[in-house]
Amino acid sequence: LETKGVFVNSSFMECMGMPSLEPLFSDEEKAWSLDRSLVSGSSVTLSITTNGLDWSDETDLGSFFPNGTLHSISPRIGSYLGGTEVIVRGTGFVALPTLACKFGDLLPVKASYVSDVEIVCVSPAFGGSGNTVPIGVTINGYHYIASSKNALFEYHADVVLESITPKMGPSSGGVTT
């Protein structure tokens, strides 16, 4: 977390309610350093003072979560009509209503939380076959965990079975053509 602005380097510089925020000065600019592990999953508000008496209005910074990663997806191929259940593996997943997957530039789809290392997303329909798209995951509905080369999903036309030979055989199998 960095909040930059022109601040006076003062021993009174504080952040209300956030003892884990430490001021870092560089010339006249001020940046706050936040240990995210201390507020993981918590809503954070920020109010600053330079004299220990007068405080700025509170600013809602939202909730902080660990930086997640995407490791792999399975399967990596599905129908361009959508409906493929895709298992997404990574780290840092959190069970929130905003947890979602994004297939390329398509609208996000709701993700089903399995664990902090696995979620399931159903692929949306895509305009055509043979397109490979990156999968992104969002925990908060705004910021996406970057896709890796192992998290690419390829859309294909459905397979249509037109004929089968032989037309019958023993239930125990073993017949080849």
N, C-alpha and C. Protein backbone atom coordinates (compact mmCIF):
# COMPACT_ATOMS: atom_id res chain seq x y z
N LEU A 1 0.85 -1.18 0.00
CA LEU A 1 0.00 0.00 0.00
C LEU A 1 0.88 1.22 0.00
N GLU A 2 0.65 2.12 -0.92
CA GLU A 2 1.37 3.38 -0.91
C GLU A 2 0.37 4.50 -1.03
N THR A 3 0.45 5.46 -0.12
CA THR A 3 -0.34 6.67 -0.19
C THR A 3 0.66 7.79 -0.29
N LYS A 4 0.71 8.43 -1.45
CA LYS A 4 1.73 9.46 -1.66
C LYS A 4 1.09 10.83 -1.60
N GLY A 5 1.86 11.77 -1.15
CA GLY A 5 1.43 13.15 -1.08
C GLY A 5 2.55 13.96 -0.47
N VAL A 6 2.33 15.23 -0.31
CA VAL A 6 3.34 16.07 0.32
C VAL A 6 3.03 16.10 1.81
N PHE A 7 3.95 15.59 2.61
CA PHE A 7 3.80 15.52 4.05
C PHE A 7 5.01 16.12 4.72
N VAL A 8 4.83 16.57 5.92
CA VAL A 8 5.93 17.07 6.73
C VAL A 8 6.49 15.89 7.51
N ASN A 9 7.80 15.72 7.45
CA ASN A 9 8.44 14.64 8.19
C ASN A 9 8.38 14.99 9.67
N SER A 10 7.43 14.37 10.36
CA SER A 10 7.15 14.74 11.75
C SER A 10 7.07 13.50 12.61
N SER A 11 7.46 13.63 13.87
CA SER A 11 7.34 12.51 14.79
C SER A 11 5.88 12.25 15.14
N PHE A 12 4.97 13.18 14.79
CA PHE A 12 3.54 13.01 15.06
C PHE A 12 2.83 12.23 13.95
N MET A 13 3.53 11.97 12.85
CA MET A 13 2.90 11.29 11.71
C MET A 13 2.39 9.94 12.15
N GLU A 14 1.06 9.73 12.06
CA GLU A 14 0.44 8.47 12.47
C GLU A 14 -0.68 8.12 11.51
N CYS A 15 -1.06 6.86 11.59
CA CYS A 15 -2.23 6.38 10.87
C CYS A 15 -3.17 5.79 11.91
N MET A 16 -4.39 6.34 12.01
CA MET A 16 -5.34 5.92 13.04
C MET A 16 -5.80 4.49 12.82
N GLY A 17 -5.72 3.70 13.90
CA GLY A 17 -6.26 2.34 13.89
C GLY A 17 -5.42 1.33 13.15
N MET A 18 -4.28 1.73 12.62
CA MET A 18 -3.45 0.81 11.85
C MET A 18 -2.01 0.87 12.36
N PRO A 19 -1.72 0.26 13.49
CA PRO A 19 -0.36 0.32 14.02
C PRO A 19 0.65 -0.36 13.10
N SER A 20 0.18 -1.20 12.16
CA SER A 20 1.10 -1.89 11.26
C SER A 20 1.55 -1.00 10.10
N LEU A 21 0.97 0.20 9.98
CA LEU A 21 1.41 1.13 8.94
C LEU A 21 2.60 1.93 9.45
N GLU A 22 3.67 1.85 8.72
CA GLU A 22 4.87 2.57 9.10
C GLU A 22 5.16 3.63 8.05
N PRO A 23 5.41 4.89 8.47
CA PRO A 23 5.73 5.93 7.50
C PRO A 23 7.12 5.75 6.91
N LEU A 24 7.24 5.95 5.62
CA LEU A 24 8.52 5.91 4.93
C LEU A 24 8.68 7.24 4.20
N PHE A 25 9.75 7.95 4.44
CA PHE A 25 9.95 9.25 3.81
C PHE A 25 11.00 9.17 2.73
N SER A 26 10.76 9.93 1.67
CA SER A 26 11.76 10.13 0.64
C SER A 26 11.58 11.57 0.18
N ASP A 27 12.49 12.42 0.56
CA ASP A 27 12.38 13.87 0.33
C ASP A 27 11.07 14.38 0.92
N GLU A 28 10.22 15.02 0.11
CA GLU A 28 8.97 15.56 0.61
C GLU A 28 7.80 14.60 0.40
N GLU A 29 8.03 13.45 -0.24
CA GLU A 29 6.94 12.51 -0.45
C GLU A 29 6.87 11.54 0.70
N LYS A 30 5.67 11.06 0.96
CA LYS A 30 5.42 10.16 2.08
C LYS A 30 4.73 8.93 1.53
N ALA A 31 5.19 7.77 1.88
CA ALA A 31 4.52 6.53 1.50
C ALA A 31 4.29 5.71 2.76
N TRP A 32 3.15 5.07 2.86
CA TRP A 32 2.85 4.21 4.00
C TRP A 32 3.14 2.78 3.59
N SER A 33 3.80 2.06 4.45
CA SER A 33 4.11 0.66 4.20
C SER A 33 3.22 -0.20 5.09
N LEU A 34 2.46 -1.11 4.50
CA LEU A 34 1.49 -1.92 5.24
C LEU A 34 1.87 -3.39 5.17
N ASP A 35 1.94 -4.04 6.30
CA ASP A 35 2.14 -5.48 6.36
C ASP A 35 0.77 -6.11 6.13
N ARG A 36 0.52 -6.57 4.88
CA ARG A 36 -0.80 -7.09 4.51
C ARG A 36 -1.23 -8.30 5.33
N SER A 37 -0.28 -9.06 5.84
CA SER A 37 -0.65 -10.26 6.60
C SER A 37 -1.40 -9.89 7.88
N LEU A 38 -1.20 -8.69 8.39
CA LEU A 38 -1.87 -8.27 9.61
C LEU A 38 -3.32 -7.88 9.39
N VAL A 39 -3.69 -7.61 8.12
CA VAL A 39 -5.06 -7.17 7.83
C VAL A 39 -5.72 -8.04 6.78
N SER A 40 -5.15 -9.20 6.48
CA SER A 40 -5.68 -10.05 5.42
C SER A 40 -7.17 -10.34 5.64
N GLY A 41 -7.96 -10.00 4.63
CA GLY A 41 -9.39 -10.22 4.68
C GLY A 41 -10.17 -9.16 5.42
N SER A 42 -9.49 -8.21 6.03
CA SER A 42 -10.15 -7.17 6.81
C SER A 42 -10.35 -5.92 5.96
N SER A 43 -11.42 -5.19 6.24
CA SER A 43 -11.63 -3.90 5.60
C SER A 43 -10.72 -2.89 6.29
N VAL A 44 -10.07 -2.05 5.51
CA VAL A 44 -9.09 -1.12 6.04
C VAL A 44 -9.52 0.31 5.74
N THR A 45 -9.50 1.17 6.75
CA THR A 45 -9.73 2.60 6.55
C THR A 45 -8.48 3.34 6.99
N LEU A 46 -8.25 4.48 6.37
CA LEU A 46 -7.04 5.23 6.62
C LEU A 46 -7.40 6.65 7.02
N SER A 47 -6.81 7.14 8.11
CA SER A 47 -6.92 8.52 8.55
C SER A 47 -5.54 8.93 9.02
N ILE A 48 -5.07 10.10 8.58
CA ILE A 48 -3.69 10.51 8.82
C ILE A 48 -3.65 11.80 9.62
N THR A 49 -2.64 11.91 10.49
CA THR A 49 -2.38 13.16 11.21
C THR A 49 -0.91 13.51 11.07
N THR A 50 -0.61 14.81 11.03
CA THR A 50 0.78 15.25 11.03
C THR A 50 1.14 15.97 12.32
N ASN A 51 0.11 16.21 13.18
CA ASN A 51 0.39 16.91 14.43
C ASN A 51 -0.11 16.16 15.67
N GLY A 52 -0.73 15.02 15.49
CA GLY A 52 -1.24 14.23 16.60
C GLY A 52 -2.59 14.68 17.11
N LEU A 53 -3.15 15.77 16.56
CA LEU A 53 -4.45 16.29 17.00
C LEU A 53 -5.50 16.31 15.90
N ASP A 54 -5.13 16.83 14.75
CA ASP A 54 -6.08 16.96 13.63
C ASP A 54 -5.90 15.78 12.68
N TRP A 55 -7.02 15.10 12.41
CA TRP A 55 -6.99 13.90 11.57
C TRP A 55 -7.70 14.15 10.25
N SER A 56 -7.22 13.54 9.20
CA SER A 56 -7.90 13.62 7.90
C SER A 56 -9.18 12.80 7.95
N ASP A 57 -10.07 13.03 6.97
CA ASP A 57 -11.27 12.20 6.86
C ASP A 57 -10.82 10.76 6.57
N GLU A 58 -11.62 9.81 7.06
CA GLU A 58 -11.28 8.40 6.81
C GLU A 58 -11.50 8.06 5.34
N THR A 59 -10.59 7.30 4.81
CA THR A 59 -10.68 6.81 3.43
C THR A 59 -10.75 5.29 3.50
N ASP A 60 -11.79 4.72 2.87
CA ASP A 60 -11.93 3.27 2.84
C ASP A 60 -11.02 2.71 1.76
N LEU A 61 -10.06 1.91 2.16
CA LEU A 61 -9.11 1.31 1.22
C LEU A 61 -9.56 -0.05 0.73
N GLY A 62 -10.69 -0.54 1.24
CA GLY A 62 -11.18 -1.86 0.83
C GLY A 62 -10.56 -2.95 1.67
N SER A 63 -10.65 -4.17 1.17
CA SER A 63 -10.11 -5.32 1.88
C SER A 63 -8.83 -5.79 1.20
N PHE A 64 -7.92 -6.29 1.98
CA PHE A 64 -6.66 -6.80 1.46
C PHE A 64 -6.60 -8.31 1.61
N PHE A 65 -6.08 -8.96 0.59
CA PHE A 65 -5.93 -10.40 0.59
C PHE A 65 -4.53 -10.73 0.09
N PRO A 66 -4.04 -11.92 0.42
CA PRO A 66 -2.71 -12.30 -0.09
C PRO A 66 -2.71 -12.26 -1.61
N ASN A 67 -1.54 -11.97 -2.19
CA ASN A 67 -1.43 -12.01 -3.64
C ASN A 67 -1.54 -13.46 -4.08
N GLY A 68 -2.53 -13.76 -4.90
CA GLY A 68 -2.74 -15.12 -5.36
C GLY A 68 -1.91 -15.44 -6.59
N THR A 69 -1.90 -16.71 -6.94
CA THR A 69 -1.23 -17.16 -8.16
C THR A 69 -2.12 -18.17 -8.86
N LEU A 70 -1.95 -18.29 -10.17
CA LEU A 70 -2.60 -19.33 -10.96
C LEU A 70 -1.53 -20.30 -11.42
N HIS A 71 -1.75 -21.60 -11.15
CA HIS A 71 -0.76 -22.60 -11.52
C HIS A 71 -1.20 -23.40 -12.73
N SER A 72 -2.46 -23.86 -12.72
CA SER A 72 -2.90 -24.72 -13.82
C SER A 72 -4.42 -24.77 -13.89
N ILE A 73 -4.92 -25.27 -15.02
CA ILE A 73 -6.35 -25.51 -15.20
C ILE A 73 -6.52 -26.91 -15.79
N SER A 74 -7.70 -27.48 -15.55
CA SER A 74 -8.02 -28.80 -16.10
C SER A 74 -9.53 -28.93 -16.26
N PRO A 75 -10.03 -29.30 -17.42
CA PRO A 75 -9.31 -29.51 -18.68
C PRO A 75 -8.89 -28.18 -19.29
N ARG A 76 -8.01 -28.25 -20.28
CA ARG A 76 -7.52 -27.05 -20.96
C ARG A 76 -8.25 -26.81 -22.27
N ILE A 77 -9.20 -27.70 -22.60
CA ILE A 77 -9.96 -27.59 -23.86
C ILE A 77 -11.43 -27.80 -23.54
N GLY A 78 -12.29 -27.02 -24.21
CA GLY A 78 -13.73 -27.18 -24.02
C GLY A 78 -14.51 -26.66 -25.21
N SER A 79 -15.83 -26.86 -25.18
CA SER A 79 -16.71 -26.48 -26.27
C SER A 79 -16.85 -24.96 -26.37
N TYR A 80 -16.92 -24.46 -27.61
CA TYR A 80 -17.15 -23.03 -27.81
C TYR A 80 -18.58 -22.65 -27.41
N LEU A 81 -19.42 -23.66 -27.16
CA LEU A 81 -20.78 -23.39 -26.68
C LEU A 81 -20.80 -23.13 -25.17
N GLY A 82 -19.65 -23.35 -24.51
CA GLY A 82 -19.55 -23.14 -23.06
C GLY A 82 -19.99 -24.37 -22.30
N GLY A 83 -20.04 -24.25 -20.97
CA GLY A 83 -20.52 -25.33 -20.12
C GLY A 83 -19.47 -26.29 -19.61
N THR A 84 -18.19 -26.06 -19.92
CA THR A 84 -17.13 -26.95 -19.44
C THR A 84 -16.74 -26.55 -18.02
N GLU A 85 -16.80 -27.51 -17.08
CA GLU A 85 -16.34 -27.24 -15.72
C GLU A 85 -14.82 -27.27 -15.70
N VAL A 86 -14.22 -26.13 -15.38
CA VAL A 86 -12.76 -26.00 -15.39
C VAL A 86 -12.27 -25.89 -13.94
N ILE A 87 -11.39 -26.81 -13.56
CA ILE A 87 -10.76 -26.76 -12.23
C ILE A 87 -9.55 -25.85 -12.34
N VAL A 88 -9.52 -24.81 -11.52
CA VAL A 88 -8.42 -23.85 -11.50
C VAL A 88 -7.63 -24.07 -10.22
N ARG A 89 -6.33 -24.30 -10.38
CA ARG A 89 -5.46 -24.51 -9.21
C ARG A 89 -4.47 -23.36 -9.09
N GLY A 90 -4.22 -22.96 -7.85
CA GLY A 90 -3.30 -21.86 -7.59
C GLY A 90 -3.15 -21.68 -6.10
N THR A 91 -2.97 -20.44 -5.67
CA THR A 91 -2.88 -20.12 -4.25
C THR A 91 -3.63 -18.83 -3.97
N GLY A 92 -4.03 -18.66 -2.71
CA GLY A 92 -4.61 -17.40 -2.28
C GLY A 92 -6.08 -17.22 -2.60
N PHE A 93 -6.81 -18.28 -2.96
CA PHE A 93 -8.24 -18.13 -3.25
C PHE A 93 -9.00 -17.94 -1.94
N VAL A 94 -10.01 -17.10 -1.96
CA VAL A 94 -10.80 -16.77 -0.77
C VAL A 94 -12.27 -16.93 -1.11
N ALA A 95 -13.05 -17.57 -0.23
CA ALA A 95 -14.48 -17.80 -0.47
C ALA A 95 -15.25 -16.51 -0.25
N LEU A 96 -15.43 -15.74 -1.32
CA LEU A 96 -16.21 -14.51 -1.28
C LEU A 96 -17.21 -14.51 -2.43
N PRO A 97 -18.30 -13.77 -2.32
CA PRO A 97 -19.27 -13.69 -3.43
C PRO A 97 -18.68 -13.09 -4.70
N THR A 98 -17.59 -12.36 -4.58
CA THR A 98 -16.95 -11.73 -5.75
C THR A 98 -15.93 -12.63 -6.44
N LEU A 99 -15.68 -13.83 -5.91
CA LEU A 99 -14.73 -14.76 -6.52
C LEU A 99 -15.24 -15.16 -7.90
N ALA A 100 -14.42 -14.93 -8.92
CA ALA A 100 -14.86 -15.18 -10.30
C ALA A 100 -13.67 -15.50 -11.21
N CYS A 101 -14.00 -16.09 -12.36
CA CYS A 101 -13.01 -16.36 -13.41
C CYS A 101 -13.38 -15.54 -14.64
N LYS A 102 -12.36 -15.19 -15.39
CA LYS A 102 -12.57 -14.48 -16.64
C LYS A 102 -11.85 -15.24 -17.74
N PHE A 103 -12.58 -15.58 -18.79
CA PHE A 103 -12.03 -16.30 -19.93
C PHE A 103 -11.75 -15.27 -21.02
N GLY A 104 -10.48 -14.93 -21.20
CA GLY A 104 -10.14 -13.91 -22.20
C GLY A 104 -10.82 -12.59 -21.86
N ASP A 105 -11.46 -11.99 -22.87
CA ASP A 105 -12.14 -10.70 -22.69
C ASP A 105 -13.63 -10.86 -22.41
N LEU A 106 -14.08 -12.10 -22.20
CA LEU A 106 -15.50 -12.32 -21.91
C LEU A 106 -15.84 -11.83 -20.51
N LEU A 107 -17.13 -11.65 -20.25
CA LEU A 107 -17.56 -11.24 -18.91
C LEU A 107 -17.18 -12.30 -17.89
N PRO A 108 -16.88 -11.89 -16.67
CA PRO A 108 -16.50 -12.86 -15.63
C PRO A 108 -17.65 -13.81 -15.30
N VAL A 109 -17.30 -15.03 -14.89
CA VAL A 109 -18.28 -16.01 -14.44
C VAL A 109 -17.98 -16.36 -12.98
N LYS A 110 -19.03 -16.58 -12.21
CA LYS A 110 -18.89 -16.90 -10.79
C LYS A 110 -18.07 -18.18 -10.62
N ALA A 111 -17.19 -18.16 -9.63
CA ALA A 111 -16.37 -19.34 -9.31
C ALA A 111 -16.93 -20.04 -8.09
N SER A 112 -16.81 -21.35 -8.07
CA SER A 112 -17.18 -22.14 -6.89
C SER A 112 -15.91 -22.43 -6.10
N TYR A 113 -15.90 -21.99 -4.85
CA TYR A 113 -14.74 -22.16 -3.98
C TYR A 113 -14.66 -23.60 -3.51
N VAL A 114 -13.49 -24.22 -3.67
CA VAL A 114 -13.23 -25.56 -3.16
C VAL A 114 -12.27 -25.47 -1.97
N SER A 115 -11.18 -24.73 -2.16
CA SER A 115 -10.20 -24.53 -1.09
C SER A 115 -9.37 -23.31 -1.46
N ASP A 116 -8.42 -22.95 -0.60
CA ASP A 116 -7.58 -21.79 -0.91
C ASP A 116 -6.63 -22.06 -2.07
N VAL A 117 -6.59 -23.31 -2.56
CA VAL A 117 -5.74 -23.65 -3.71
C VAL A 117 -6.52 -24.18 -4.91
N GLU A 118 -7.86 -24.22 -4.80
CA GLU A 118 -8.66 -24.76 -5.92
C GLU A 118 -10.04 -24.14 -5.98
N ILE A 119 -10.45 -23.76 -7.20
CA ILE A 119 -11.80 -23.28 -7.48
C ILE A 119 -12.29 -23.94 -8.75
N VAL A 120 -13.59 -23.87 -9.01
CA VAL A 120 -14.17 -24.42 -10.24
C VAL A 120 -14.97 -23.32 -10.92
N CYS A 121 -14.74 -23.17 -12.24
CA CYS A 121 -15.47 -22.19 -13.04
C CYS A 121 -16.06 -22.90 -14.26
N VAL A 122 -17.25 -22.48 -14.67
CA VAL A 122 -17.88 -23.04 -15.86
C VAL A 122 -17.62 -22.08 -17.02
N SER A 123 -17.01 -22.61 -18.08
CA SER A 123 -16.65 -21.76 -19.21
C SER A 123 -17.89 -21.16 -19.87
N PRO A 124 -17.85 -19.87 -20.21
CA PRO A 124 -18.96 -19.25 -20.93
C PRO A 124 -18.85 -19.57 -22.42
N ALA A 125 -19.92 -19.35 -23.15
CA ALA A 125 -19.90 -19.54 -24.60
C ALA A 125 -18.94 -18.53 -25.23
N PHE A 126 -18.30 -18.97 -26.32
CA PHE A 126 -17.35 -18.11 -27.02
C PHE A 126 -17.77 -18.05 -28.47
N GLY A 127 -17.47 -16.95 -29.15
CA GLY A 127 -17.94 -16.73 -30.52
C GLY A 127 -17.40 -17.64 -31.59
N GLY A 128 -16.47 -18.52 -31.30
CA GLY A 128 -15.93 -19.36 -32.34
C GLY A 128 -15.02 -20.44 -31.82
N SER A 129 -14.62 -21.32 -32.72
CA SER A 129 -13.77 -22.45 -32.37
C SER A 129 -12.31 -22.12 -32.65
N GLY A 130 -11.40 -22.82 -31.95
CA GLY A 130 -9.98 -22.68 -32.22
C GLY A 130 -9.34 -21.47 -31.58
N ASN A 131 -10.00 -20.85 -30.62
CA ASN A 131 -9.44 -19.69 -29.94
C ASN A 131 -8.90 -20.09 -28.58
N THR A 132 -7.68 -19.67 -28.29
CA THR A 132 -7.08 -19.92 -26.98
C THR A 132 -7.09 -18.62 -26.20
N VAL A 133 -7.61 -18.67 -24.97
CA VAL A 133 -7.74 -17.46 -24.15
C VAL A 133 -7.10 -17.69 -22.79
N PRO A 134 -6.54 -16.63 -22.19
CA PRO A 134 -6.03 -16.75 -20.82
C PRO A 134 -7.18 -16.74 -19.83
N ILE A 135 -7.00 -17.43 -18.72
CA ILE A 135 -7.99 -17.40 -17.64
C ILE A 135 -7.43 -16.53 -16.53
N GLY A 136 -8.25 -15.63 -16.04
CA GLY A 136 -7.89 -14.79 -14.91
C GLY A 136 -8.83 -15.09 -13.76
N VAL A 137 -8.39 -14.84 -12.54
CA VAL A 137 -9.22 -15.05 -11.35
C VAL A 137 -9.23 -13.76 -10.54
N THR A 138 -10.41 -13.38 -10.06
CA THR A 138 -10.52 -12.22 -9.18
C THR A 138 -11.12 -12.65 -7.85
N ILE A 139 -10.59 -12.10 -6.79
CA ILE A 139 -11.14 -12.35 -5.46
C ILE A 139 -12.10 -11.24 -5.08
N ASN A 140 -11.72 -9.99 -5.43
CA ASN A 140 -12.51 -8.83 -5.02
C ASN A 140 -13.42 -8.28 -6.11
N GLY A 141 -13.41 -8.86 -7.29
CA GLY A 141 -14.26 -8.40 -8.38
C GLY A 141 -13.64 -7.30 -9.24
N TYR A 142 -12.43 -6.84 -8.89
CA TYR A 142 -11.78 -5.77 -9.63
C TYR A 142 -10.40 -6.17 -10.14
N HIS A 143 -9.58 -6.69 -9.26
CA HIS A 143 -8.21 -7.02 -9.61
C HIS A 143 -8.10 -8.50 -9.94
N TYR A 144 -7.39 -8.80 -11.03
CA TYR A 144 -7.27 -10.19 -11.49
C TYR A 144 -5.88 -10.72 -11.27
N ILE A 145 -5.82 -11.98 -10.83
CA ILE A 145 -4.56 -12.70 -10.73
C ILE A 145 -4.15 -13.02 -12.16
N ALA A 146 -2.95 -12.68 -12.52
CA ALA A 146 -2.48 -12.88 -13.89
C ALA A 146 -2.46 -14.34 -14.26
N SER A 147 -2.83 -14.60 -15.50
CA SER A 147 -2.82 -15.96 -16.02
C SER A 147 -1.39 -16.40 -16.31
N SER A 148 -1.15 -17.69 -16.16
CA SER A 148 0.17 -18.23 -16.51
C SER A 148 0.03 -19.01 -17.81
N LYS A 149 1.16 -19.44 -18.36
CA LYS A 149 1.11 -20.23 -19.60
C LYS A 149 0.38 -21.55 -19.39
N ASN A 150 0.26 -21.99 -18.13
CA ASN A 150 -0.47 -23.22 -17.82
C ASN A 150 -1.96 -22.98 -17.57
N ALA A 151 -2.39 -21.73 -17.71
CA ALA A 151 -3.80 -21.39 -17.48
C ALA A 151 -4.42 -20.81 -18.75
N LEU A 152 -4.18 -21.47 -19.87
CA LEU A 152 -4.77 -21.07 -21.15
C LEU A 152 -5.84 -22.09 -21.51
N PHE A 153 -7.01 -21.60 -21.93
CA PHE A 153 -8.14 -22.46 -22.26
C PHE A 153 -8.42 -22.35 -23.75
N GLU A 154 -8.56 -23.49 -24.40
CA GLU A 154 -8.79 -23.51 -25.85
C GLU A 154 -10.22 -23.94 -26.15
N TYR A 155 -10.91 -23.10 -26.92
CA TYR A 155 -12.29 -23.39 -27.34
C TYR A 155 -12.27 -24.18 -28.65
N HIS A 156 -13.09 -25.25 -28.70
CA HIS A 156 -13.21 -26.08 -29.90
C HIS A 156 -14.67 -26.36 -30.20
N ALA A 157 -14.92 -26.70 -31.46
CA ALA A 157 -16.27 -27.11 -31.85
C ALA A 157 -16.57 -28.46 -31.19
N ASP A 158 -17.84 -28.70 -30.89
CA ASP A 158 -18.24 -29.98 -30.32
C ASP A 158 -17.98 -31.10 -31.31
N VAL A 159 -17.61 -32.24 -30.79
CA VAL A 159 -17.42 -33.42 -31.62
C VAL A 159 -18.79 -34.02 -31.91
N VAL A 160 -19.04 -34.32 -33.18
CA VAL A 160 -20.31 -34.94 -33.58
C VAL A 160 -20.00 -36.33 -34.11
N LEU A 161 -20.58 -37.34 -33.48
CA LEU A 161 -20.39 -38.72 -33.90
C LEU A 161 -21.36 -38.99 -35.05
N GLU A 162 -20.82 -39.31 -36.24
CA GLU A 162 -21.67 -39.53 -37.41
C GLU A 162 -21.91 -41.00 -37.69
N SER A 163 -20.95 -41.85 -37.35
CA SER A 163 -21.15 -43.28 -37.55
C SER A 163 -20.20 -44.05 -36.66
N ILE A 164 -20.51 -45.34 -36.47
CA ILE A 164 -19.67 -46.21 -35.67
C ILE A 164 -19.65 -47.59 -36.32
N THR A 165 -18.46 -48.19 -36.34
CA THR A 165 -18.32 -49.51 -36.94
C THR A 165 -17.46 -50.34 -36.01
N PRO A 166 -17.78 -51.57 -35.70
CA PRO A 166 -19.01 -52.29 -36.07
C PRO A 166 -20.20 -51.76 -35.26
N LYS A 167 -21.37 -52.05 -35.73
CA LYS A 167 -22.59 -51.54 -35.11
C LYS A 167 -22.97 -52.34 -33.86
N MET A 168 -22.36 -53.49 -33.66
CA MET A 168 -22.62 -54.27 -32.45
C MET A 168 -21.45 -55.19 -32.16
N GLY A 169 -21.43 -55.68 -30.90
CA GLY A 169 -20.36 -56.55 -30.46
C GLY A 169 -20.69 -57.08 -29.08
N PRO A 170 -19.86 -58.00 -28.56
CA PRO A 170 -20.14 -58.57 -27.25
C PRO A 170 -20.01 -57.52 -26.14
N SER A 171 -20.78 -57.65 -25.08
CA SER A 171 -20.72 -56.70 -23.97
C SER A 171 -19.38 -56.74 -23.24
N SER A 172 -18.64 -57.82 -23.38
CA SER A 172 -17.33 -57.92 -22.75
C SER A 172 -16.28 -57.15 -23.53
N GLY A 173 -16.59 -56.64 -24.72
CA GLY A 173 -15.66 -55.86 -25.52
C GLY A 173 -14.71 -56.75 -26.28
N GLY A 174 -13.61 -56.17 -26.75
CA GLY A 174 -12.59 -56.93 -27.45
C GLY A 174 -12.73 -56.93 -28.95
N VAL A 175 -13.73 -56.26 -29.51
CA VAL A 175 -13.91 -56.23 -30.97
C VAL A 175 -13.20 -55.01 -31.53
N THR A 176 -12.40 -55.19 -32.55
CA THR A 176 -11.72 -54.08 -33.23
C THR A 176 -12.06 -54.11 -34.69
N THR A 177 -11.87 -53.00 -35.35
CA THR A 177 -12.11 -52.95 -36.79
C THR A 177 -10.85 -52.60 -37.53
